[in-house]
Amino acid sequence: MPIHVEAKEGEVAEIVLLPGNPERAKYMAENFLEDPKLYTTYRKMYGYTGKFNGVDVSIQSTGMGVPSIAIVLEELKMLGAKTLIRVGTCGALRDDLEQADLIIAQSSATIGSTINKMTSDITLAPPADFELIKNLYESAIELNMPVYVGEIATSDFFYGKGEDYAQDLKKMAKRGVLAVEMETAALYNIAAKYGLKAATVLTVSDHVFTQIRADKEKIKEGVDKMTRMVLDTATKL
């Protein structure tokens, strides 16, 4: 049974939204779910279950980085989760991406992470669930939300590993990578491991190369729109 997600059987819904920040999980649950119930506070990794569109939904914080989210995902699977959607922020690698634009991650490259290595000579890069990201994209278009679908990168290094980090990111950008964050590769690999549905939806909070960051109100506005769209889509599938 789970050690870190201190929930009882039946307390976690089959649909789970996954913000990294525990305070954001609390905010999402209290402002978007009907009658949210707190099922875990252990290590301040808050988890809530409530209803949206009359459907049970959980919102579970994951912390930062692959090791943290991997623990949470394994334990959510033990508790019956079947559809896992990361909702977070990212640093854009393209100049034409605006603050608060949405990115739906079709797949994720990795920087410094071993999550994709099955053996010394097998690298697995599973994609998101096609039906899930298709519906998320169509919902965003219907709501006139600026949205991009493509590859992102999951990095173990928020500030970079060395002087060449920015150049490595520029090389990835030239090959079509839209943005960088710290969790999605783990989500897609663990979903593939267990046959779960998974997707990542991100709102742009930073531009990596210009080091311009959106103000907190702009980020909150983008996260709010993203959260409502994801909840509405996931509960209608």
Protein backbone atom coordinates (compact mmCIF):
# COMPACT_ATOMS: atom_id res chain seq x y z
CA MET A 1 0.00 0.00 0.00
CA PRO A 2 1.07 3.63 -0.49
CA ILE A 3 3.59 5.10 1.93
CA HIS A 4 3.52 8.77 0.88
CA VAL A 5 0.01 9.36 -0.52
CA GLU A 6 -1.84 8.63 2.69
CA ALA A 7 -5.24 7.80 1.22
CA LYS A 8 -7.59 4.93 1.88
CA GLU A 9 -9.07 2.72 -0.80
CA GLY A 10 -11.83 4.58 -2.63
CA GLU A 11 -10.64 8.08 -1.63
CA VAL A 12 -8.78 8.75 -4.92
CA ALA A 13 -10.82 9.15 -8.11
CA GLU A 14 -10.00 7.47 -11.41
CA ILE A 15 -9.32 10.92 -12.93
CA VAL A 16 -6.46 12.80 -11.25
CA LEU A 17 -5.07 16.24 -12.03
CA LEU A 18 -1.42 16.68 -11.08
CA PRO A 19 -0.10 20.15 -10.20
CA GLY A 20 3.41 20.27 -8.78
CA ASN A 21 2.78 22.97 -6.17
CA PRO A 22 0.80 21.86 -3.06
CA GLU A 23 -0.64 25.35 -2.63
CA ARG A 24 -1.86 25.23 -6.22
CA ALA A 25 -3.49 21.85 -5.55
CA LYS A 26 -5.30 23.39 -2.59
CA TYR A 27 -6.36 26.41 -4.65
CA MET A 28 -7.62 24.26 -7.54
CA ALA A 29 -9.60 21.96 -5.27
CA GLU A 30 -11.23 24.79 -3.33
CA ASN A 31 -12.07 26.89 -6.38
CA PHE A 32 -12.99 24.30 -9.03
CA LEU A 33 -14.29 21.17 -7.30
CA GLU A 34 -17.63 20.70 -5.60
CA ASP A 35 -17.35 19.59 -1.97
CA PRO A 36 -13.60 18.79 -2.05
CA LYS A 37 -12.35 16.38 0.61
CA LEU A 38 -8.71 16.41 1.72
CA TYR A 39 -7.36 12.84 1.80
CA THR A 40 -3.63 13.42 2.39
CA THR A 41 -1.37 16.11 3.83
CA TYR A 42 1.74 13.96 4.32
CA ARG A 43 4.90 15.98 3.50
CA LYS A 44 2.49 18.73 2.40
CA MET A 45 1.74 16.76 -0.78
CA TYR A 46 -1.91 17.75 -0.63
CA GLY A 47 -4.53 15.55 -2.26
CA TYR A 48 -8.24 16.30 -2.65
CA THR A 49 -11.24 14.55 -4.19
CA GLY A 50 -14.43 16.32 -5.21
CA LYS A 51 -16.78 16.55 -8.16
CA PHE A 52 -16.75 18.44 -11.46
CA ASN A 53 -19.66 18.07 -13.90
CA GLY A 54 -20.98 15.51 -11.40
CA VAL A 55 -17.89 13.30 -11.91
CA ASP A 56 -15.40 12.37 -9.17
CA VAL A 57 -12.01 14.03 -9.69
CA SER A 58 -8.89 14.11 -7.55
CA ILE A 59 -6.24 16.82 -7.50
CA GLN A 60 -2.89 15.60 -6.16
CA SER A 61 0.30 17.65 -5.84
CA THR A 62 3.47 15.94 -7.03
CA GLY A 63 6.35 18.14 -5.92
CA MET A 64 9.22 19.08 -8.21
CA GLY A 65 11.15 16.75 -10.48
CA VAL A 66 11.06 13.19 -11.78
CA PRO A 67 11.85 11.36 -8.50
CA SER A 68 9.05 13.12 -6.61
CA ILE A 69 6.32 12.71 -9.23
CA ALA A 70 7.36 9.09 -9.88
CA ILE A 71 6.69 8.16 -6.25
CA VAL A 72 3.29 9.87 -6.33
CA LEU A 73 2.29 8.25 -9.63
CA GLU A 74 3.18 4.74 -8.49
CA GLU A 75 1.06 5.21 -5.37
CA LEU A 76 -1.87 6.77 -7.24
CA LYS A 77 -1.90 3.70 -9.45
CA MET A 78 -2.11 1.53 -6.30
CA LEU A 79 -5.12 3.61 -5.25
CA GLY A 80 -7.01 3.10 -8.53
CA ALA A 81 -6.16 6.14 -10.65
CA LYS A 82 -6.60 5.52 -14.39
CA THR A 83 -6.37 8.93 -16.08
CA LEU A 84 -3.49 11.20 -15.05
CA ILE A 85 -3.17 14.77 -16.30
CA ARG A 86 -0.31 17.00 -15.30
CA VAL A 87 -1.33 20.67 -15.09
CA GLY A 88 1.65 22.94 -14.61
CA THR A 89 3.85 25.70 -15.91
CA CYS A 90 6.85 25.67 -18.23
CA GLY A 91 9.63 27.71 -19.75
CA ALA A 92 9.09 28.42 -23.45
CA LEU A 93 11.90 27.69 -25.92
CA ARG A 94 10.28 29.59 -28.82
CA ASP A 95 9.96 33.35 -29.18
CA ASP A 96 6.46 33.15 -30.66
CA LEU A 97 5.02 31.54 -27.53
CA GLU A 98 3.28 34.13 -25.38
CA GLN A 99 2.89 34.20 -21.62
CA ALA A 100 -0.10 32.07 -20.54
CA ASP A 101 -0.27 30.23 -23.90
CA LEU A 102 -1.12 26.54 -23.51
CA ILE A 103 1.14 23.67 -24.52
CA ILE A 104 -0.13 20.09 -24.76
CA ALA A 105 2.80 17.69 -24.59
CA GLN A 106 2.61 15.03 -27.28
CA SER A 107 5.91 13.58 -26.05
CA SER A 108 8.85 14.50 -23.86
CA ALA A 109 12.59 14.41 -24.39
CA THR A 110 14.80 14.27 -21.30
CA ILE A 111 17.78 16.23 -20.03
CA GLY A 112 19.83 14.51 -17.36
CA SER A 113 17.07 12.07 -16.49
CA THR A 114 17.36 8.30 -16.44
CA ILE A 115 13.58 7.77 -16.51
CA ASN A 116 13.63 6.71 -20.18
CA LYS A 117 16.37 4.08 -19.79
CA MET A 118 14.96 0.55 -19.56
CA THR A 119 18.37 -1.08 -20.08
CA SER A 120 21.76 0.17 -21.23
CA ASP A 121 20.68 -0.02 -24.88
CA ILE A 122 16.91 0.57 -24.78
CA THR A 123 15.48 4.07 -24.50
CA LEU A 124 11.70 4.32 -24.24
CA ALA A 125 9.92 7.57 -25.10
CA PRO A 126 6.17 6.88 -24.81
CA PRO A 127 3.73 9.54 -26.02
CA ALA A 128 0.65 10.97 -24.35
CA ASP A 129 -2.69 9.21 -24.76
CA PHE A 130 -3.89 10.26 -28.22
CA GLU A 131 -7.63 10.46 -27.45
CA LEU A 132 -6.94 12.51 -24.35
CA ILE A 133 -4.72 15.12 -25.99
CA LYS A 134 -7.00 15.25 -29.04
CA ASN A 135 -9.96 16.15 -26.84
CA LEU A 136 -7.92 18.61 -24.80
CA TYR A 137 -6.76 20.34 -27.98
CA GLU A 138 -10.28 20.54 -29.42
CA SER A 139 -11.59 21.97 -26.14
CA ALA A 140 -8.92 24.65 -26.11
CA ILE A 141 -9.71 25.61 -29.71
CA GLU A 142 -13.43 25.83 -28.94
CA LEU A 143 -12.63 28.19 -26.06
CA ASN A 144 -10.35 30.33 -28.27
CA MET A 145 -7.36 29.54 -26.08
CA PRO A 146 -3.94 29.85 -27.76
CA VAL A 147 -2.69 26.24 -27.76
CA TYR A 148 0.26 24.34 -29.21
CA VAL A 149 0.78 20.57 -29.42
CA GLY A 150 4.23 19.03 -29.70
CA GLU A 151 7.33 17.77 -27.96
CA ILE A 152 8.61 19.26 -24.72
CA ALA A 153 11.67 18.45 -22.61
CA THR A 154 11.79 17.18 -19.03
CA SER A 155 14.92 18.39 -17.25
CA ASP A 156 16.52 17.43 -13.95
CA PHE A 157 18.28 20.80 -13.86
CA PHE A 158 16.22 23.93 -13.24
CA TYR A 159 19.27 26.19 -13.30
CA GLY A 160 21.31 24.07 -15.66
CA LYS A 161 24.16 21.68 -15.12
CA GLY A 162 26.95 23.71 -16.68
CA GLU A 163 27.83 26.50 -19.09
CA ASP A 164 26.59 24.55 -22.13
CA TYR A 165 23.04 24.07 -20.82
CA ALA A 166 21.56 27.03 -22.72
CA GLN A 167 23.22 25.86 -25.93
CA ASP A 168 21.78 22.38 -25.46
CA LEU A 169 18.31 23.88 -25.04
CA LYS A 170 18.78 25.93 -28.22
CA LYS A 171 19.69 22.77 -30.12
CA MET A 172 16.49 21.14 -28.87
CA ALA A 173 14.45 24.21 -29.82
CA LYS A 174 15.79 24.00 -33.39
CA ARG A 175 14.47 20.44 -33.53
CA GLY A 176 10.98 21.49 -32.54
CA VAL A 177 10.98 21.21 -28.75
CA LEU A 178 8.49 23.79 -27.49
CA ALA A 179 9.29 24.15 -23.80
CA VAL A 180 11.06 22.70 -20.80
CA GLU A 181 9.68 21.49 -17.44
CA MET A 182 10.59 18.82 -14.87
CA GLU A 183 8.00 16.01 -14.64
CA THR A 184 6.31 14.84 -17.84
CA ALA A 185 8.78 12.15 -18.93
CA ALA A 186 8.12 10.31 -15.67
CA LEU A 187 4.36 10.65 -16.13
CA TYR A 188 4.40 9.19 -19.65
CA ASN A 189 6.78 6.37 -18.76
CA ILE A 190 4.83 5.26 -15.70
CA ALA A 191 1.55 5.52 -17.61
CA ALA A 192 3.03 3.24 -20.28
CA LYS A 193 4.25 0.83 -17.61
CA TYR A 194 0.71 0.30 -16.30
CA GLY A 195 -1.45 1.02 -19.33
CA LEU A 196 -2.86 4.27 -17.90
CA LYS A 197 -4.06 7.33 -19.82
CA ALA A 198 -1.80 10.35 -19.41
CA ALA A 199 -1.41 13.88 -20.72
CA THR A 200 0.38 17.06 -19.79
CA VAL A 201 -1.07 20.54 -20.25
CA LEU A 202 1.19 23.49 -19.43
CA THR A 203 0.84 27.24 -19.35
CA VAL A 204 3.85 29.32 -20.32
CA SER A 205 5.24 31.15 -17.30
CA ASP A 206 8.75 31.97 -18.54
CA HIS A 207 10.83 32.50 -21.66
CA VAL A 208 14.03 30.57 -21.10
CA PHE A 209 16.44 32.43 -23.37
CA THR A 210 15.32 35.99 -22.57
CA GLN A 211 14.73 35.08 -18.90
CA ILE A 212 11.44 36.97 -18.90
CA ARG A 213 8.91 35.69 -16.39
CA ALA A 214 5.20 36.45 -16.31
CA ASP A 215 3.91 38.18 -13.21
CA LYS A 216 2.01 36.10 -10.68
CA GLU A 217 -1.39 37.42 -11.73
CA LYS A 218 -0.75 36.52 -15.38
CA ILE A 219 0.37 33.02 -14.36
CA LYS A 220 -2.71 32.62 -12.15
CA GLU A 221 -4.98 33.70 -15.01
CA GLY A 222 -3.39 31.15 -17.34
CA VAL A 223 -3.53 28.36 -14.77
CA ASP A 224 -7.20 29.10 -14.00
CA LYS A 225 -8.21 28.87 -17.67
CA MET A 226 -6.15 25.72 -18.15
CA THR A 227 -7.60 24.04 -15.06
CA ARG A 228 -11.21 24.68 -16.02
CA MET A 229 -10.63 23.46 -19.58
CA VAL A 230 -8.84 20.29 -18.43
CA LEU A 231 -11.50 19.46 -15.84
CA ASP A 232 -14.31 20.02 -18.30
CA THR A 233 -12.63 17.84 -20.95
CA ALA A 234 -11.56 15.01 -18.66
CA THR A 235 -14.99 14.63 -17.08
CA LYS A 236 -16.78 14.41 -20.45
CA LEU A 237 -14.71 11.61 -21.98
